[in-house]
Protein backbone atom coordinates (compact mmCIF):
# COMPACT_ATOMS: atom_id res chain seq x y z
CA MET A 1 8.26 16.56 16.87
CA ARG A 2 10.85 14.22 15.37
CA PHE A 3 8.07 12.18 13.78
CA ARG A 4 6.52 15.33 12.32
CA ARG A 5 9.85 16.40 10.83
CA ILE A 6 10.35 12.97 9.25
CA ALA A 7 6.78 12.93 7.95
CA GLU A 8 6.94 16.38 6.40
CA ALA A 9 10.29 15.65 4.75
CA ALA A 10 8.96 12.37 3.34
CA THR A 11 5.87 13.86 1.75
CA ARG A 12 7.78 15.66 -0.99
CA THR A 13 8.15 12.31 -2.78
CA VAL A 14 5.26 9.85 -2.53
CA ILE A 15 5.48 6.41 -4.12
CA GLY A 16 2.59 4.00 -4.58
CA VAL A 17 3.13 0.29 -5.17
CA ASP A 18 0.45 -1.97 -6.57
CA PHE A 19 2.01 -5.12 -5.12
CA SER A 20 1.68 -8.63 -6.54
CA GLY A 21 2.43 -12.00 -5.01
CA ALA A 22 2.34 -13.85 -8.34
CA ALA A 23 5.33 -15.93 -9.44
CA GLU A 24 6.04 -13.43 -12.23
CA SER A 25 4.92 -10.43 -10.22
CA GLY A 26 6.93 -7.97 -12.29
CA LYS A 27 4.34 -8.18 -15.05
CA THR A 28 1.42 -6.90 -12.97
CA ALA A 29 3.03 -5.02 -10.06
CA TRP A 30 3.35 -1.31 -10.81
CA ILE A 31 5.09 1.59 -9.10
CA ALA A 32 4.02 5.25 -9.32
CA GLU A 33 6.18 8.14 -8.15
CA LEU A 34 4.49 11.42 -7.24
CA SER A 35 6.56 14.53 -6.67
CA ALA A 36 5.39 17.64 -4.83
CA PRO A 37 6.84 21.08 -5.59
CA VAL A 38 7.26 21.74 -1.85
CA PRO A 39 7.06 19.49 1.23
CA LEU A 40 3.45 19.06 2.27
CA PRO A 41 2.81 20.02 5.93
CA LEU A 42 0.72 17.61 7.95
CA ALA A 43 -1.01 20.49 9.69
CA ALA A 44 -2.83 21.46 6.48
CA PRO A 45 -6.00 19.54 5.66
CA ALA A 46 -5.56 17.23 2.68
CA SER A 47 -8.48 18.91 0.93
CA SER A 48 -6.66 22.27 0.99
CA ARG A 49 -4.60 21.10 -1.97
CA LEU A 50 -7.67 21.56 -4.14
CA ALA A 51 -7.53 25.31 -3.63
CA ASN A 52 -3.98 25.54 -4.97
CA ARG A 53 -3.62 23.65 -8.25
CA SER A 54 0.01 24.77 -8.62
CA ALA A 55 0.86 22.73 -5.50
CA ARG A 56 -0.50 19.45 -6.85
CA PHE A 57 1.60 16.35 -7.00
CA ARG A 58 3.10 15.54 -10.39
CA LEU A 59 3.21 11.95 -11.61
CA VAL A 60 6.88 11.69 -12.61
CA SER A 61 7.19 7.93 -13.13
CA LEU A 62 4.78 5.07 -13.75
CA GLN A 63 6.24 1.67 -14.64
CA PRO A 64 5.82 -2.07 -14.10
CA LEU A 65 8.13 -3.21 -11.31
CA GLY A 66 9.60 -5.92 -13.53
CA ARG A 67 10.98 -3.30 -15.89
CA LEU A 68 12.80 -1.55 -13.06
CA ALA A 69 13.94 -4.79 -11.40
CA GLY A 70 15.37 -6.16 -14.63
CA GLY A 71 13.06 -9.18 -14.64
CA ASP A 72 9.61 -10.37 -13.67
CA ASP A 73 10.55 -13.11 -11.19
CA ARG A 74 8.89 -12.45 -7.82
CA ASP A 75 12.07 -12.86 -5.76
CA GLN A 76 13.99 -10.50 -8.02
CA VAL A 77 11.20 -7.93 -7.95
CA ASN A 78 10.86 -8.06 -4.16
CA ARG A 79 14.61 -7.72 -3.65
CA TYR A 80 14.57 -4.65 -5.87
CA LEU A 81 11.63 -3.19 -3.92
CA VAL A 82 13.30 -3.78 -0.54
CA ASP A 83 16.58 -2.27 -1.70
CA ARG A 84 14.85 0.79 -3.14
CA ILE A 85 12.69 1.43 -0.08
CA ALA A 86 15.70 1.08 2.20
CA SER A 87 18.02 3.26 0.12
CA GLN A 88 15.75 6.07 -1.15
CA PRO A 89 15.67 8.78 1.53
CA LYS A 90 12.86 11.15 2.46
CA THR A 91 10.15 9.18 0.71
CA PHE A 92 6.61 8.26 1.70
CA TRP A 93 5.62 4.77 0.48
CA GLY A 94 2.10 3.36 0.17
CA CYS A 95 2.10 -0.37 -0.59
CA ASP A 96 -1.03 -2.29 -1.47
CA PHE A 97 -0.87 -5.47 0.62
CA PRO A 98 -1.86 -6.35 4.21
CA PHE A 99 0.89 -5.56 6.71
CA GLY A 100 -0.44 -7.65 9.62
CA LEU A 101 -2.82 -10.36 10.81
CA PRO A 102 -5.89 -10.31 13.11
CA ILE A 103 -5.34 -10.50 16.86
CA GLU A 104 -7.76 -13.45 17.02
CA LEU A 105 -5.16 -15.70 15.37
CA ALA A 106 -3.05 -15.30 18.54
CA ILE A 107 0.24 -15.32 16.64
CA GLY A 108 1.65 -12.48 18.75
CA ASP A 109 2.72 -8.94 18.04
CA TRP A 110 3.78 -7.68 14.63
CA ARG A 111 7.36 -8.92 14.92
CA ASP A 112 6.03 -12.37 15.88
CA GLN A 113 3.78 -12.33 12.82
CA LEU A 114 6.70 -11.46 10.53
CA SER A 115 8.72 -14.29 12.06
CA HIS A 116 5.78 -16.67 11.64
CA ALA A 117 5.57 -15.84 7.93
CA SER A 118 9.35 -15.99 7.46
CA GLU A 119 9.70 -19.34 9.18
CA PHE A 120 6.68 -20.99 7.57
CA ASP A 121 7.72 -24.03 5.57
CA GLY A 122 5.32 -23.97 2.66
CA SER A 123 3.68 -21.91 -0.04
CA ALA A 124 1.47 -18.84 0.29
CA LYS A 125 -1.57 -21.02 -0.33
CA GLN A 126 -0.53 -23.39 2.45
CA PHE A 127 0.13 -20.44 4.74
CA GLY A 128 -3.40 -19.19 4.13
CA LEU A 129 -4.90 -22.62 4.80
CA SER A 130 -2.98 -22.81 8.06
CA LEU A 131 -4.47 -19.48 9.14
CA VAL A 132 -7.95 -20.72 8.24
CA GLU A 133 -7.38 -23.82 10.41
CA THR A 134 -6.21 -21.61 13.28
CA THR A 135 -9.32 -19.44 12.96
CA GLU A 136 -11.62 -22.46 12.90
CA ARG A 137 -10.05 -23.80 16.11
CA ALA A 138 -10.27 -20.44 17.86
CA LEU A 139 -13.57 -19.06 16.59
CA GLY A 140 -15.43 -21.80 14.77
CA THR A 141 -15.32 -19.82 11.52
CA LYS A 142 -12.91 -19.78 8.60
CA HIS A 143 -12.06 -16.08 8.43
CA VAL A 144 -11.98 -12.97 10.58
CA ARG A 145 -11.25 -9.42 9.49
CA ARG A 146 -8.88 -7.01 11.14
CA THR A 147 -10.50 -3.96 12.69
CA THR A 148 -8.99 -1.74 9.99
CA ASP A 149 -10.41 -3.99 7.25
CA ARG A 150 -13.91 -3.47 8.60
CA GLU A 151 -13.43 0.27 9.08
CA THR A 152 -11.98 0.94 5.62
CA GLN A 153 -14.07 -1.65 3.74
CA THR A 154 -11.16 -3.52 2.19
CA PRO A 155 -12.39 -6.01 -0.43
CA PHE A 156 -11.13 -9.10 1.45
CA ASP A 157 -9.86 -10.20 4.82
CA CYS A 158 -6.07 -10.38 4.86
CA TYR A 159 -5.83 -14.17 4.33
CA HIS A 160 -8.63 -14.62 1.83
CA TYR A 161 -7.50 -16.87 -1.03
CA ARG A 162 -7.51 -13.91 -3.42
CA ILE A 163 -5.14 -11.84 -1.26
CA ILE A 164 -3.00 -14.38 0.60
CA TYR A 165 -0.16 -14.33 -1.96
CA GLN A 166 0.18 -10.57 -1.44
CA THR A 167 -0.01 -10.94 2.34
CA PHE A 168 2.49 -13.79 2.57
CA HIS A 169 5.10 -12.44 0.20
CA GLY A 170 4.60 -8.85 1.32
CA MET A 171 5.14 -9.74 4.99
CA ARG A 172 7.86 -12.35 4.42
CA ASP A 173 9.82 -10.89 1.52
CA VAL A 174 9.37 -7.15 2.07
CA LEU A 175 8.37 -6.16 5.61
CA ALA A 176 10.52 -8.75 7.39
CA GLU A 177 13.49 -7.44 5.42
CA LEU A 178 12.73 -3.80 6.24
CA ALA A 179 11.63 -4.01 9.87
CA GLU A 180 15.18 -3.60 11.20
CA ARG A 181 16.44 -1.14 8.59
CA PRO A 182 17.28 2.12 10.40
CA SER A 183 16.28 4.27 7.43
CA VAL A 184 12.63 3.13 7.27
CA VAL A 185 9.66 3.47 9.62
CA VAL A 186 6.83 0.97 9.03
CA LEU A 187 3.58 2.35 10.43
CA PRO A 188 1.58 1.92 12.58
CA PHE A 189 4.02 -0.52 14.15
CA GLN A 190 7.06 1.73 14.52
CA TYR A 191 5.92 5.16 15.69
CA ALA A 192 8.44 4.88 18.53
CA LYS A 193 11.21 4.34 15.99
CA ALA A 194 10.09 7.47 14.16
CA ASN A 195 10.28 9.46 17.38
CA ARG A 196 13.88 8.33 17.88
CA GLY A 197 14.72 10.29 14.74
CA THR A 198 16.90 7.66 13.02
CA ALA A 199 14.70 7.10 9.97
CA SER A 200 13.98 9.31 6.97
CA SER A 201 11.31 7.38 5.04
CA ILE A 202 7.85 6.12 5.94
CA LEU A 203 6.11 2.95 4.70
CA VAL A 204 2.36 2.40 5.20
CA GLU A 205 -0.35 0.01 4.04
CA ALA A 206 -2.53 1.31 1.22
CA CYS A 207 -5.73 0.02 -0.37
CA PRO A 208 -6.84 1.56 -3.69
CA SER A 209 -10.35 0.14 -3.36
CA SER A 210 -10.77 1.70 0.09
CA THR A 211 -9.49 5.03 -1.24
CA LEU A 212 -12.04 4.98 -4.05
CA LYS A 213 -14.81 4.27 -1.56
CA ARG A 214 -13.65 7.07 0.73
CA LEU A 215 -13.60 9.48 -2.21
CA GLU A 216 -17.06 8.22 -3.26
CA LEU A 217 -15.75 7.06 -6.63
CA PRO A 218 -16.60 3.86 -8.54
CA HIS A 219 -14.51 0.97 -7.22
CA GLN A 220 -15.62 -1.73 -9.66
CA ARG A 221 -15.53 -2.25 -13.43
CA TYR A 222 -12.23 -0.52 -14.07
CA LYS A 223 -10.15 -3.71 -14.11
CA GLN A 224 -10.03 -6.08 -17.07
CA SER A 225 -9.12 -9.73 -16.51
CA GLY A 226 -6.98 -12.17 -18.45
CA GLY A 227 -4.69 -9.55 -19.95
CA LYS A 228 -7.37 -8.53 -22.46
CA PRO A 229 -7.65 -4.89 -23.58
CA PRO A 230 -9.96 -2.81 -21.41
CA GLU A 231 -13.47 -2.47 -22.77
CA ALA A 232 -15.58 0.67 -23.05
CA THR A 233 -17.07 0.22 -19.58
CA HIS A 234 -13.61 -0.05 -17.99
CA LYS A 235 -12.45 3.08 -19.81
CA ARG A 236 -15.51 5.07 -18.75
CA THR A 237 -14.88 4.18 -15.11
CA ARG A 238 -11.19 5.03 -15.39
CA ARG A 239 -11.99 8.42 -16.87
CA THR A 240 -14.28 9.16 -13.92
CA ILE A 241 -11.57 8.16 -11.46
CA LEU A 242 -8.86 10.10 -13.28
CA LYS A 243 -10.99 13.25 -13.29
CA ALA A 244 -11.11 13.14 -9.49
CA VAL A 245 -7.46 12.10 -9.08
CA SER A 246 -6.40 15.00 -11.30
CA GLN A 247 -7.52 17.41 -8.59
CA TYR A 248 -4.53 16.15 -6.59
CA VAL A 249 -2.08 14.90 -9.24
CA ASP A 250 -0.91 16.38 -12.53
CA ILE A 251 -0.77 13.49 -15.02
CA SER A 252 0.72 13.87 -18.48
CA ALA A 253 -1.14 12.82 -21.62
CA HIS A 254 1.30 9.95 -22.13
CA ARG A 255 0.77 8.52 -18.65
CA ARG A 256 -2.98 8.94 -18.98
CA ARG A 257 -2.80 6.71 -22.06
CA VAL A 258 -0.75 4.17 -20.11
CA ILE A 259 -3.38 4.13 -17.36
CA MET A 260 -6.27 3.92 -19.82
CA ASN A 261 -4.74 1.06 -21.84
CA ASP A 262 -3.30 -1.08 -19.02
CA PRO A 263 -5.50 -4.24 -19.00
CA GLY A 264 -5.65 -4.98 -15.28
CA GLY A 265 -5.91 -1.44 -13.95
CA ASP A 266 -2.65 -1.99 -12.04
CA ALA A 267 -1.08 1.27 -13.25
CA LEU A 268 -4.06 3.21 -11.90
CA ASP A 269 -3.94 1.25 -8.65
CA ALA A 270 -0.30 2.24 -8.14
CA VAL A 271 -1.26 5.92 -8.42
CA LEU A 272 -4.18 5.37 -6.04
CA ALA A 273 -1.94 3.51 -3.58
CA GLY A 274 0.40 6.48 -3.31
CA LEU A 275 -2.18 9.25 -3.34
CA GLY A 276 -4.68 7.41 -1.16
CA ALA A 277 -2.07 6.50 1.44
CA TRP A 278 -0.92 10.12 1.63
CA LEU A 279 -4.49 11.42 1.96
CA GLY A 280 -5.16 8.91 4.74
CA PHE A 281 -1.87 9.73 6.44
CA ALA A 282 -2.55 13.48 6.27
CA ARG A 283 -5.95 13.15 7.91
CA ALA A 284 -4.95 10.50 10.46
CA ASP A 285 -4.98 11.05 14.22
CA HIS A 286 -1.53 9.59 14.78
CA ALA A 287 -1.69 9.84 18.57
CA ALA A 288 -4.91 7.80 18.60
CA ILE A 289 -3.47 5.21 16.20
CA GLN A 290 -0.39 4.73 18.40
CA THR A 291 -2.48 4.00 21.48
CA HIS A 292 -5.18 1.91 19.80
CA PRO A 293 -5.31 -1.62 21.30
CA ARG A 294 -5.40 -3.36 17.91
CA TYR A 295 -3.74 -1.22 15.24
CA ALA A 296 -0.19 -1.66 16.55
CA ARG A 297 -0.58 -5.43 16.29
CA GLU A 298 -2.88 -5.85 13.26
CA GLY A 299 -2.00 -2.88 11.11
CA PHE A 300 -3.85 0.17 9.83
CA VAL A 301 -4.94 0.99 6.28
CA TYR A 302 -4.09 4.60 5.45
CA CYS A 303 -6.64 5.56 2.81
């Protein structure tokens, strides 16, 4: 019951973070804040929102993290993110980076994994290579996916070279700093903490691509590379996605333009991270997640 009270209080404000592990992450990491007119009860199916358009979320803020942090440097951005998550009460956070590592790596439970990342003496790239070496010794292959990665069809395993910077800096610089904060529950690892009733905000792993797949929406050709303006094909795909998202979220004309013109699609991903995480959280069987033999050690993508 304590967990349900925390969860229902937190779902009045939902924040999605399109996280980046780049050195100047503030340029491409975005944060989207969604506000609900009333707290959203977990007992109601997520799809029931469609029947009541007046109860939709409203997109009240959509900005690059660097603008809010006062600079684009990764360390500065991550410190800002940690401080905001820890200090903003009654908020549900969906962050787009892997929260844990596969059991097959035999690094231990989630706290052990956070310590392993925090104590690693090297770069994110070197951290990823060390995990590949561990996998080769244990399994004779370079990579293995978490159970949740297979189930939710995430684009990459959590230490693929295209995601390892997010994994390393997300685990080391964000989750390791928040794990002991009394105000925040990181799921699925801290359901017991939620039941103790000391926290007021919830933080979960999101994946915009997995959300698009679950909603049967196009999940490719909406991102432009190299900072170039989006082309016609990207804009067509974004319009299709926004049409579906608008069933859940009221988005102003100004913020629609921001989403349509953002080269990398990161602004849209921030919205999808928040909305998708909430949809996944609302439909989740939390009792089954708590007792699952792998989720509490590897993580769970709420999408």
